[in-house]
Amino acid sequence: MSVDMNSQGSDSNEEDYDPNCEEEEEDEDPGDIEDYYVGVASDVEQQGADAFDPEEYQFTCLTYKESEGALNEHMTSLASVLKACLRDIASLVPDHCNKVNTTKKQII
């Protein structure tokens, strides 16, 4: 089944083109792009090497042993939290199951 896209309101550049139109072309007016980096070199030179840079972050890489120890520590902590949560859930599930079974017996 073929569909006429012009009848569907598609954007067709052929119909919208007007050779007598005096609209400005995008290439003719670059706007502020040319001026974007004007004066940047002098700004960088004024800062110096010891200037504060908010995007700079000091870090040191961990050795294999240090990373393994940190990972094991976090996993142990997570496991203890999950065990506590699972104990709480396990204590609630039998209560819920008993209530459901009691309700079923009353219905039957």
PDB file of N, CA and C in Angstrom:
ATOM      1  N   MET A   1       0.854  -1.166   0.000  1.00  0.00           N
ATOM      2  CA  MET A   1       0.000   0.000   0.000  1.00  0.00           C
ATOM      3  C   MET A   1       0.898   1.227   0.000  1.00  0.00           C
ATOM      4  N   SER A   2       0.696   2.099  -0.940  1.00  0.00           N
ATOM      5  CA  SER A   2       1.535   3.293  -1.011  1.00  0.00           C
ATOM      6  C   SER A   2       0.779   4.464  -0.418  1.00  0.00           C
ATOM      7  N   VAL A   3       1.522   5.309   0.262  1.00  0.00           N
ATOM      8  CA  VAL A   3       0.921   6.452   0.939  1.00  0.00           C
ATOM      9  C   VAL A   3       1.532   7.713   0.372  1.00  0.00           C
ATOM     10  N   ASP A   4       0.702   8.658   0.037  1.00  0.00           N
ATOM     11  CA  ASP A   4       1.181   9.944  -0.463  1.00  0.00           C
ATOM     12  C   ASP A   4       1.570  10.787   0.737  1.00  0.00           C
ATOM     13  N   MET A   5       2.876  10.983   0.925  1.00  0.00           N
ATOM     14  CA  MET A   5       3.368  11.702   2.102  1.00  0.00           C
ATOM     15  C   MET A   5       3.010  13.185   2.058  1.00  0.00           C
ATOM     16  N   ASN A   6       2.820  13.743   0.871  1.00  0.00           N
ATOM     17  CA  ASN A   6       2.446  15.151   0.788  1.00  0.00           C
ATOM     18  C   ASN A   6       1.075  15.381   1.405  1.00  0.00           C
ATOM     19  N   SER A   7       0.191  14.396   1.245  1.00  0.00           N
ATOM     20  CA  SER A   7      -1.135  14.547   1.826  1.00  0.00           C
ATOM     21  C   SER A   7      -1.104  14.345   3.339  1.00  0.00           C
ATOM     22  N   GLN A   8      -0.032  13.755   3.846  1.00  0.00           N
ATOM     23  CA  GLN A   8       0.101  13.510   5.280  1.00  0.00           C
ATOM     24  C   GLN A   8       0.760  14.671   6.012  1.00  0.00           C
ATOM     25  N   GLY A   9       1.083  15.738   5.308  1.00  0.00           N
ATOM     26  CA  GLY A   9       1.682  16.900   5.956  1.00  0.00           C
ATOM     27  C   GLY A   9       3.162  16.738   6.194  1.00  0.00           C
ATOM     28  N   SER A  10       3.839  15.967   5.351  1.00  0.00           N
ATOM     29  CA  SER A  10       5.278  15.793   5.550  1.00  0.00           C
ATOM     30  C   SER A  10       6.008  17.061   5.140  1.00  0.00           C
ATOM     31  N   ASP A  11       7.198  17.214   5.642  1.00  0.00           N
ATOM     32  CA  ASP A  11       8.013  18.376   5.311  1.00  0.00           C
ATOM     33  C   ASP A  11       8.682  18.139   3.965  1.00  0.00           C
ATOM     34  N   SER A  12       8.282  18.863   2.992  1.00  0.00           N
ATOM     35  CA  SER A  12       8.876  18.739   1.670  1.00  0.00           C
ATOM     36  C   SER A  12       9.571  20.044   1.336  1.00  0.00           C
ATOM     37  N   ASN A  13      10.848  19.980   1.090  1.00  0.00           N
ATOM     38  CA  ASN A  13      11.609  21.184   0.774  1.00  0.00           C
ATOM     39  C   ASN A  13      11.306  21.694  -0.628  1.00  0.00           C
ATOM     40  N   GLU A  14      10.835  20.817  -1.510  1.00  0.00           N
ATOM     41  CA  GLU A  14      10.565  21.229  -2.882  1.00  0.00           C
ATOM     42  C   GLU A  14       9.406  22.220  -2.936  1.00  0.00           C
ATOM     43  N   GLU A  15       8.364  21.969  -2.172  1.00  0.00           N
ATOM     44  CA  GLU A  15       7.200  22.844  -2.207  1.00  0.00           C
ATOM     45  C   GLU A  15       7.456  24.153  -1.473  1.00  0.00           C
ATOM     46  N   ASP A  16       8.276  24.123  -0.447  1.00  0.00           N
ATOM     47  CA  ASP A  16       8.513  25.302   0.372  1.00  0.00           C
ATOM     48  C   ASP A  16       9.579  26.224  -0.209  1.00  0.00           C
ATOM     49  N   TYR A  17      10.292  25.783  -1.216  1.00  0.00           N
ATOM     50  CA  TYR A  17      11.398  26.571  -1.753  1.00  0.00           C
ATOM     51  C   TYR A  17      10.865  27.729  -2.585  1.00  0.00           C
ATOM     52  N   ASP A  18      11.331  28.922  -2.278  1.00  0.00           N
ATOM     53  CA  ASP A  18      10.957  30.114  -3.029  1.00  0.00           C
ATOM     54  C   ASP A  18      12.242  30.805  -3.457  1.00  0.00           C
ATOM     55  N   PRO A  19      12.562  30.798  -4.766  1.00  0.00           N
ATOM     56  CA  PRO A  19      13.824  31.394  -5.218  1.00  0.00           C
ATOM     57  C   PRO A  19      13.882  32.905  -4.999  1.00  0.00           C
ATOM     58  N   ASN A  20      12.748  33.557  -4.829  1.00  0.00           N
ATOM     59  CA  ASN A  20      12.732  35.005  -4.632  1.00  0.00           C
ATOM     60  C   ASN A  20      12.774  35.397  -3.152  1.00  0.00           C
ATOM     61  N   CYS A  21      12.837  34.407  -2.287  1.00  0.00           N
ATOM     62  CA  CYS A  21      12.839  34.669  -0.849  1.00  0.00           C
ATOM     63  C   CYS A  21      14.152  35.332  -0.453  1.00  0.00           C
ATOM     64  N   GLU A  22      14.067  36.336   0.426  1.00  0.00           N
ATOM     65  CA  GLU A  22      15.258  37.071   0.827  1.00  0.00           C
ATOM     66  C   GLU A  22      15.717  36.700   2.237  1.00  0.00           C
ATOM     67  N   GLU A  23      15.342  35.517   2.714  1.00  0.00           N
ATOM     68  CA  GLU A  23      15.791  35.083   4.032  1.00  0.00           C
ATOM     69  C   GLU A  23      17.298  34.886   4.025  1.00  0.00           C
ATOM     70  N   GLU A  24      17.925  35.166   5.164  1.00  0.00           N
ATOM     71  CA  GLU A  24      19.373  35.003   5.260  1.00  0.00           C
ATOM     72  C   GLU A  24      19.718  33.527   5.338  1.00  0.00           C
ATOM     73  N   GLU A  25      20.777  33.158   4.661  1.00  0.00           N
ATOM     74  CA  GLU A  25      21.276  31.798   4.742  1.00  0.00           C
ATOM     75  C   GLU A  25      22.029  31.644   6.059  1.00  0.00           C
ATOM     76  N   GLU A  26      22.034  30.453   6.630  1.00  0.00           N
ATOM     77  CA  GLU A  26      22.739  30.217   7.880  1.00  0.00           C
ATOM     78  C   GLU A  26      24.242  30.388   7.716  1.00  0.00           C
ATOM     79  N   ASP A  27      24.773  30.075   6.540  1.00  0.00           N
ATOM     80  CA  ASP A  27      26.208  30.175   6.307  1.00  0.00           C
ATOM     81  C   ASP A  27      26.679  31.623   6.259  1.00  0.00           C
ATOM     82  N   GLU A  28      25.796  32.543   5.937  1.00  0.00           N
ATOM     83  CA  GLU A  28      26.199  33.935   5.801  1.00  0.00           C
ATOM     84  C   GLU A  28      26.414  34.607   7.154  1.00  0.00           C
ATOM     85  N   ASP A  29      25.704  34.194   8.193  1.00  0.00           N
ATOM     86  CA  ASP A  29      25.811  34.830   9.500  1.00  0.00           C
ATOM     87  C   ASP A  29      26.297  33.808  10.529  1.00  0.00           C
ATOM     88  N   PRO A  30      27.598  33.756  10.781  1.00  0.00           N
ATOM     89  CA  PRO A  30      28.106  32.769  11.734  1.00  0.00           C
ATOM     90  C   PRO A  30      27.768  33.111  13.179  1.00  0.00           C
ATOM     91  N   GLY A  31      27.281  34.313  13.431  1.00  0.00           N
ATOM     92  CA  GLY A  31      26.881  34.689  14.786  1.00  0.00           C
ATOM     93  C   GLY A  31      28.065  34.898  15.703  1.00  0.00           C
ATOM     94  N   ASP A  32      27.940  34.423  16.924  1.00  0.00           N
ATOM     95  CA  ASP A  32      28.970  34.638  17.933  1.00  0.00           C
ATOM     96  C   ASP A  32      30.066  33.582  17.908  1.00  0.00           C
ATOM     97  N   ILE A  33      29.968  32.616  17.027  1.00  0.00           N
ATOM     98  CA  ILE A  33      30.940  31.527  17.018  1.00  0.00           C
ATOM     99  C   ILE A  33      32.350  32.034  16.767  1.00  0.00           C
ATOM    100  N   GLU A  34      32.508  32.997  15.874  1.00  0.00           N
ATOM    101  CA  GLU A  34      33.843  33.508  15.578  1.00  0.00           C
ATOM    102  C   GLU A  34      34.456  34.182  16.797  1.00  0.00           C
ATOM    103  N   ASP A  35      33.647  34.806  17.626  1.00  0.00           N
ATOM    104  CA  ASP A  35      34.150  35.540  18.782  1.00  0.00           C
ATOM    105  C   ASP A  35      34.238  34.681  20.044  1.00  0.00           C
ATOM    106  N   TYR A  36      33.885  33.427  19.958  1.00  0.00           N
ATOM    107  CA  TYR A  36      33.797  32.583  21.146  1.00  0.00           C
ATOM    108  C   TYR A  36      35.140  32.429  21.851  1.00  0.00           C
ATOM    109  N   TYR A  37      36.196  32.219  21.074  1.00  0.00           N
ATOM    110  CA  TYR A  37      37.502  31.976  21.673  1.00  0.00           C
ATOM    111  C   TYR A  37      38.397  33.213  21.700  1.00  0.00           C
ATOM    112  N   VAL A  38      37.868  34.364  21.373  1.00  0.00           N
ATOM    113  CA  VAL A  38      38.675  35.575  21.391  1.00  0.00           C
ATOM    114  C   VAL A  38      39.043  35.890  22.838  1.00  0.00           C
ATOM    115  N   GLY A  39      40.322  36.055  23.103  1.00  0.00           N
ATOM    116  CA  GLY A  39      40.798  36.407  24.433  1.00  0.00           C
ATOM    117  C   GLY A  39      40.993  35.237  25.370  1.00  0.00           C
ATOM    118  N   VAL A  40      40.727  34.026  24.924  1.00  0.00           N
ATOM    119  CA  VAL A  40      40.879  32.864  25.796  1.00  0.00           C
ATOM    120  C   VAL A  40      42.346  32.610  26.119  1.00  0.00           C
ATOM    121  N   ALA A  41      43.211  32.786  25.147  1.00  0.00           N
ATOM    122  CA  ALA A  41      44.637  32.536  25.375  1.00  0.00           C
ATOM    123  C   ALA A  41      45.172  33.424  26.485  1.00  0.00           C
ATOM    124  N   SER A  42      44.774  34.669  26.516  1.00  0.00           N
ATOM    125  CA  SER A  42      45.257  35.564  27.565  1.00  0.00           C
ATOM    126  C   SER A  42      44.674  35.180  28.922  1.00  0.00           C
ATOM    127  N   ASP A  43      43.453  34.660  28.961  1.00  0.00           N
ATOM    128  CA  ASP A  43      42.865  34.222  30.224  1.00  0.00           C
ATOM    129  C   ASP A  43      43.649  33.058  30.817  1.00  0.00           C
ATOM    130  N   VAL A  44      44.028  32.120  29.967  1.00  0.00           N
ATOM    131  CA  VAL A  44      44.766  30.952  30.431  1.00  0.00           C
ATOM    132  C   VAL A  44      46.139  31.363  30.928  1.00  0.00           C
ATOM    133  N   GLU A  45      46.783  32.265  30.232  1.00  0.00           N
ATOM    134  CA  GLU A  45      48.119  32.700  30.624  1.00  0.00           C
ATOM    135  C   GLU A  45      48.090  33.429  31.956  1.00  0.00           C
ATOM    136  N   GLN A  46      47.032  34.137  32.266  1.00  0.00           N
ATOM    137  CA  GLN A  46      46.952  34.896  33.507  1.00  0.00           C
ATOM    138  C   GLN A  46      46.760  33.992  34.722  1.00  0.00           C
ATOM    139  N   GLN A  47      46.188  32.827  34.538  1.00  0.00           N
ATOM    140  CA  GLN A  47      45.897  31.962  35.672  1.00  0.00           C
ATOM    141  C   GLN A  47      47.150  31.394  36.317  1.00  0.00           C
ATOM    142  N   GLY A  48      48.087  30.989  35.540  1.00  0.00           N
ATOM    143  CA  GLY A  48      49.289  30.393  36.093  1.00  0.00           C
ATOM    144  C   GLY A  48      49.081  28.933  36.434  1.00  0.00           C
ATOM    145  N   ALA A  49      50.165  28.261  36.766  1.00  0.00           N
ATOM    146  CA  ALA A  49      50.116  26.822  37.011  1.00  0.00           C
ATOM    147  C   ALA A  49      49.502  26.476  38.366  1.00  0.00           C
ATOM    148  N   ASP A  50      49.580  27.377  39.343  1.00  0.00           N
ATOM    149  CA  ASP A  50      49.096  27.078  40.689  1.00  0.00           C
ATOM    150  C   ASP A  50      47.671  27.555  40.943  1.00  0.00           C
ATOM    151  N   ALA A  51      46.988  28.030  39.921  1.00  0.00           N
ATOM    152  CA  ALA A  51      45.632  28.557  40.100  1.00  0.00           C
ATOM    153  C   ALA A  51      44.664  27.423  40.428  1.00  0.00           C
ATOM    154  N   PHE A  52      43.621  27.753  41.182  1.00  0.00           N
ATOM    155  CA  PHE A  52      42.604  26.774  41.554  1.00  0.00           C
ATOM    156  C   PHE A  52      41.766  26.410  40.339  1.00  0.00           C
ATOM    157  N   ASP A  53      41.609  25.130  40.095  1.00  0.00           N
ATOM    158  CA  ASP A  53      40.792  24.647  38.987  1.00  0.00           C
ATOM    159  C   ASP A  53      39.678  23.782  39.579  1.00  0.00           C
ATOM    160  N   PRO A  54      38.420  24.223  39.522  1.00  0.00           N
ATOM    161  CA  PRO A  54      37.333  23.454  40.137  1.00  0.00           C
ATOM    162  C   PRO A  54      37.075  22.121  39.451  1.00  0.00           C
ATOM    163  N   GLU A  55      37.561  21.936  38.242  1.00  0.00           N
ATOM    164  CA  GLU A  55      37.344  20.679  37.538  1.00  0.00           C
ATOM    165  C   GLU A  55      38.470  19.680  37.776  1.00  0.00           C
ATOM    166  N   GLU A  56      39.491  20.085  38.498  1.00  0.00           N
ATOM    167  CA  GLU A  56      40.623  19.199  38.749  1.00  0.00           C
ATOM    168  C   GLU A  56      40.334  18.358  39.982  1.00  0.00           C
ATOM    169  N   TYR A  57      40.684  17.087  39.923  1.00  0.00           N
ATOM    170  CA  TYR A  57      40.460  16.184  41.042  1.00  0.00           C
ATOM    171  C   TYR A  57      41.717  15.358  41.244  1.00  0.00           C
ATOM    172  N   GLN A  58      42.276  15.431  42.424  1.00  0.00           N
ATOM    173  CA  GLN A  58      43.475  14.663  42.739  1.00  0.00           C
ATOM    174  C   GLN A  58      43.074  13.258  43.167  1.00  0.00           C
ATOM    175  N   PHE A  59      43.740  12.262  42.639  1.00  0.00           N
ATOM    176  CA  PHE A  59      43.447  10.891  43.019  1.00  0.00           C
ATOM    177  C   PHE A  59      44.711  10.055  42.900  1.00  0.00           C
ATOM    178  N   THR A  60      44.712   8.942  43.583  1.00  0.00           N
ATOM    179  CA  THR A  60      45.793   7.970  43.445  1.00  0.00           C
ATOM    180  C   THR A  60      45.153   6.632  43.119  1.00  0.00           C
ATOM    181  N   CYS A  61      45.787   5.897  42.262  1.00  0.00           N
ATOM    182  CA  CYS A  61      45.263   4.592  41.871  1.00  0.00           C
ATOM    183  C   CYS A  61      45.568   3.575  42.964  1.00  0.00           C
ATOM    184  N   LEU A  62      44.617   2.708  43.229  1.00  0.00           N
ATOM    185  CA  LEU A  62      44.813   1.651  44.208  1.00  0.00           C
ATOM    186  C   LEU A  62      45.592   0.509  43.586  1.00  0.00           C
ATOM    187  N   THR A  63      46.344  -0.174  44.403  1.00  0.00           N
ATOM    188  CA  THR A  63      46.998  -1.390  43.928  1.00  0.00           C
ATOM    189  C   THR A  63      45.940  -2.491  43.872  1.00  0.00           C
ATOM    190  N   TYR A  64      46.316  -3.617  43.323  1.00  0.00           N
ATOM    191  CA  TYR A  64      45.388  -4.736  43.224  1.00  0.00           C
ATOM    192  C   TYR A  64      44.931  -5.173  44.613  1.00  0.00           C
ATOM    193  N   LYS A  65      45.868  -5.288  45.538  1.00  0.00           N
ATOM    194  CA  LYS A  65      45.539  -5.729  46.901  1.00  0.00           C
ATOM    195  C   LYS A  65      44.629  -4.720  47.602  1.00  0.00           C
ATOM    196  N   GLU A  66      44.917  -3.418  47.434  1.00  0.00           N
ATOM    197  CA  GLU A  66      44.088  -2.387  48.059  1.00  0.00           C
ATOM    198  C   GLU A  66      42.668  -2.401  47.497  1.00  0.00           C
ATOM    199  N   SER A  67      42.550  -2.558  46.183  1.00  0.00           N
ATOM    200  CA  SER A  67      41.216  -2.581  45.575  1.00  0.00           C
ATOM    201  C   SER A  67      40.444  -3.828  45.992  1.00  0.00           C
ATOM    202  N   GLU A  68      41.147  -4.958  46.093  1.00  0.00           N
ATOM    203  CA  GLU A  68      40.494  -6.188  46.526  1.00  0.00           C
ATOM    204  C   GLU A  68      40.003  -6.053  47.970  1.00  0.00           C
ATOM    205  N   GLY A  69      40.825  -5.454  48.830  1.00  0.00           N
ATOM    206  CA  GLY A  69      40.430  -5.262  50.226  1.00  0.00           C
ATOM    207  C   GLY A  69      39.229  -4.334  50.349  1.00  0.00           C
ATOM    208  N   ALA A  70      39.240  -3.235  49.588  1.00  0.00           N
ATOM    209  CA  ALA A  70      38.122  -2.289  49.635  1.00  0.00           C
ATOM    210  C   ALA A  70      36.840  -2.945  49.134  1.00  0.00           C
ATOM    211  N   LEU A  71      36.950  -3.706  48.058  1.00  0.00           N
ATOM    212  CA  LEU A  71      35.776  -4.384  47.510  1.00  0.00           C
ATOM    213  C   LEU A  71      35.229  -5.406  48.505  1.00  0.00           C
ATOM    214  N   ASN A  72      36.113  -6.184  49.107  1.00  0.00           N
ATOM    215  CA  ASN A  72      35.664  -7.181  50.090  1.00  0.00           C
ATOM    216  C   ASN A  72      34.999  -6.517  51.291  1.00  0.00           C
ATOM    217  N   GLU A  73      35.544  -5.392  51.728  1.00  0.00           N
ATOM    218  CA  GLU A  73      34.962  -4.663  52.860  1.00  0.00           C
ATOM    219  C   GLU A  73      33.544  -4.194  52.537  1.00  0.00           C
ATOM    220  N   HIS A  74      33.366  -3.642  51.350  1.00  0.00           N
ATOM    221  CA  HIS A  74      32.035  -3.164  50.953  1.00  0.00           C
ATOM    222  C   HIS A  74      31.061  -4.323  50.761  1.00  0.00           C
ATOM    223  N   MET A  75      31.539  -5.424  50.212  1.00  0.00           N
ATOM    224  CA  MET A  75      30.663  -6.577  50.008  1.00  0.00           C
ATOM    225  C   MET A  75      30.233  -7.180  51.344  1.00  0.00           C
ATOM    226  N   THR A  76      31.133  -7.215  52.320  1.00  0.00           N
ATOM    227  CA  THR A  76      30.788  -7.724  53.649  1.00  0.00           C
ATOM    228  C   THR A  76      29.735  -6.839  54.299  1.00  0.00           C
ATOM    229  N   SER A  77      29.919  -5.538  54.174  1.00  0.00           N
ATOM    230  CA  SER A  77      28.953  -4.591  54.733  1.00  0.00           C
ATOM    231  C   SER A  77      27.587  -4.759  54.068  1.00  0.00           C
ATOM    232  N   LEU A  78      27.581  -4.884  52.753  1.00  0.00           N
ATOM    233  CA  LEU A  78      26.328  -5.058  52.018  1.00  0.00           C
ATOM    234  C   LEU A  78      25.652  -6.370  52.391  1.00  0.00           C
ATOM    235  N   ALA A  79      26.440  -7.429  52.521  1.00  0.00           N
ATOM    236  CA  ALA A  79      25.876  -8.730  52.873  1.00  0.00           C
ATOM    237  C   ALA A  79      25.225  -8.691  54.250  1.00  0.00           C
ATOM    238  N   SER A  80      25.851  -7.995  55.208  1.00  0.00           N
ATOM    239  CA  SER A  80      25.260  -7.932  56.553  1.00  0.00           C
ATOM    240  C   SER A  80      23.955  -7.143  56.538  1.00  0.00           C
ATOM    241  N   VAL A  81      23.893  -6.088  55.738  1.00  0.00           N
ATOM    242  CA  VAL A  81      22.659  -5.309  55.632  1.00  0.00           C
ATOM    243  C   VAL A  81      21.561  -6.151  54.988  1.00  0.00           C
ATOM    244  N   LEU A  82      21.916  -6.880  53.934  1.00  0.00           N
ATOM    245  CA  LEU A  82      20.918  -7.710  53.255  1.00  0.00           C
ATOM    246  C   LEU A  82      20.424  -8.839  54.154  1.00  0.00           C
ATOM    247  N   LYS A  83      21.317  -9.417  54.965  1.00  0.00           N
ATOM    248  CA  LYS A  83      20.883 -10.480  55.877  1.00  0.00           C
ATOM    249  C   LYS A  83      19.863  -9.944  56.866  1.00  0.00           C
ATOM    250  N   ALA A  84      20.106  -8.751  57.371  1.00  0.00           N
ATOM    251  CA  ALA A  84      19.158  -8.147  58.306  1.00  0.00           C
ATOM    252  C   ALA A  84      17.817  -7.924  57.623  1.00  0.00           C
ATOM    253  N   CYS A  85      17.845  -7.436  56.391  1.00  0.00           N
ATOM    254  CA  CYS A  85      16.598  -7.209  55.648  1.00  0.00           C
ATOM    255  C   CYS A  85      15.887  -8.525  55.370  1.00  0.00           C
ATOM    256  N   LEU A  86      16.646  -9.546  54.996  1.00  0.00           N
ATOM    257  CA  LEU A  86      16.036 -10.833  54.687  1.00  0.00           C
ATOM    258  C   LEU A  86      15.430 -11.463  55.935  1.00  0.00           C
ATOM    259  N   ARG A  87      16.077 -11.276  57.097  1.00  0.00           N
ATOM    260  CA  ARG A  87      15.506 -11.791  58.338  1.00  0.00           C
ATOM    261  C   ARG A  87      14.170 -11.118  58.628  1.00  0.00           C
ATOM    262  N   ASP A  88      14.108  -9.814  58.414  1.00  0.00           N
ATOM    263  CA  ASP A  88      12.853  -9.090  58.638  1.00  0.00           C
ATOM    264  C   ASP A  88      11.768  -9.585  57.691  1.00  0.00           C
ATOM    265  N   ILE A  89      12.139  -9.775  56.437  1.00  0.00           N
ATOM    266  CA  ILE A  89      11.170 -10.255  55.444  1.00  0.00           C
ATOM    267  C   ILE A  89      10.731 -11.673  55.783  1.00  0.00           C
ATOM    268  N   ALA A  90      11.690 -12.511  56.180  1.00  0.00           N
ATOM    269  CA  ALA A  90      11.363 -13.900  56.516  1.00  0.00           C
ATOM    270  C   ALA A  90      10.411 -13.968  57.703  1.00  0.00           C
ATOM    271  N   SER A  91      10.554 -13.040  58.639  1.00  0.00           N
ATOM    272  CA  SER A  91       9.637 -13.057  59.784  1.00  0.00           C
ATOM    273  C   SER A  91       8.242 -12.581  59.385  1.00  0.00           C
ATOM    274  N   LEU A  92       8.152 -11.754  58.368  1.00  0.00           N
ATOM    275  CA  LEU A  92       6.853 -11.257  57.919  1.00  0.00           C
ATOM    276  C   LEU A  92       6.126 -12.254  57.025  1.00  0.00           C
ATOM    277  N   VAL A  93       6.876 -13.009  56.242  1.00  0.00           N
ATOM    278  CA  VAL A  93       6.258 -13.926  55.282  1.00  0.00           C
ATOM    279  C   VAL A  93       5.432 -15.001  55.982  1.00  0.00           C
ATOM    280  N   PRO A  94       5.936 -15.671  57.019  1.00  0.00           N
ATOM    281  CA  PRO A  94       5.076 -16.677  57.671  1.00  0.00           C
ATOM    282  C   PRO A  94       3.804 -16.068  58.249  1.00  0.00           C
ATOM    283  N   ASP A  95       3.900 -14.873  58.815  1.00  0.00           N
ATOM    284  CA  ASP A  95       2.696 -14.219  59.329  1.00  0.00           C
ATOM    285  C   ASP A  95       1.694 -13.981  58.208  1.00  0.00           C
ATOM    286  N   HIS A  96       2.188 -13.534  57.076  1.00  0.00           N
ATOM    287  CA  HIS A  96       1.314 -13.275  55.934  1.00  0.00           C
ATOM    288  C   HIS A  96       0.712 -14.581  55.423  1.00  0.00           C
ATOM    289  N   CYS A  97       1.543 -15.621  55.333  1.00  0.00           N
ATOM    290  CA  CYS A  97       1.046 -16.914  54.844  1.00  0.00           C
ATOM    291  C   CYS A  97      -0.009 -17.480  55.787  1.00  0.00           C
ATOM    292  N   ASN A  98       0.194 -17.327  57.083  1.00  0.00           N
ATOM    293  CA  ASN A  98      -0.805 -17.811  58.049  1.00  0.00           C
ATOM    294  C   ASN A  98      -2.120 -17.067  57.893  1.00  0.00           C
ATOM    295  N   LYS A  99      -2.055 -15.767  57.666  1.00  0.00           N
ATOM    296  CA  LYS A  99      -3.273 -14.980  57.481  1.00  0.00           C
ATOM    297  C   LYS A  99      -4.004 -15.413  56.220  1.00  0.00           C
ATOM    298  N   VAL A 100      -3.257 -15.677  55.141  1.00  0.00           N
ATOM    299  CA  VAL A 100      -3.875 -16.112  53.886  1.00  0.00           C
ATOM    300  C   VAL A 100      -4.513 -17.472  54.072  1.00  0.00           C
ATOM    301  N   ASN A 101      -3.813 -18.405  54.729  1.00  0.00           N
ATOM    302  CA  ASN A 101      -4.362 -19.746  54.947  1.00  0.00           C
ATOM    303  C   ASN A 101      -5.602 -19.694  55.829  1.00  0.00           C
ATOM    304  N   THR A 102      -5.584 -18.844  56.842  1.00  0.00           N
ATOM    305  CA  THR A 102      -6.742 -18.702  57.724  1.00  0.00           C
ATOM    306  C   THR A 102      -7.931 -18.159  56.949  1.00  0.00           C
ATOM    307  N   THR A 103      -7.677 -17.193  56.083  1.00  0.00           N
ATOM    308  CA  THR A 103      -8.744 -16.611  55.275  1.00  0.00           C
ATOM    309  C   THR A 103      -9.308 -17.646  54.314  1.00  0.00           C
ATOM    310  N   LYS A 104      -8.441 -18.470  53.728  1.00  0.00           N
ATOM    311  CA  LYS A 104      -8.908 -19.504  52.794  1.00  0.00           C
ATOM    312  C   LYS A 104      -9.776 -20.526  53.521  1.00  0.00           C
ATOM    313  N   LYS A 105      -9.379 -20.892  54.738  1.00  0.00           N
ATOM    314  CA  LYS A 105     -10.156 -21.878  55.496  1.00  0.00           C
ATOM    315  C   LYS A 105     -11.534 -21.329  55.840  1.00  0.00           C
ATOM    316  N   GLN A 106     -11.601 -20.029  56.131  1.00  0.00           N
ATOM    317  CA  GLN A 106     -12.887 -19.428  56.458  1.00  0.00           C
ATOM    318  C   GLN A 106     -13.796 -19.397  55.243  1.00  0.00           C
ATOM    319  N   ILE A 107     -13.215 -19.195  54.058  1.00  0.00           N
ATOM    320  CA  ILE A 107     -14.011 -19.143  52.831  1.00  0.00           C
ATOM    321  C   ILE A 107     -14.542 -20.521  52.484  1.00  0.00           C
ATOM    322  N   ILE A 108     -13.739 -21.543  52.680  1.00  0.00           N
ATOM    323  CA  ILE A 108     -14.131 -22.912  52.326  1.00  0.00           C
ATOM    324  C   ILE A 108     -15.132 -23.376  53.325  1.00  0.00           C
TER     325      ILE A 108
END
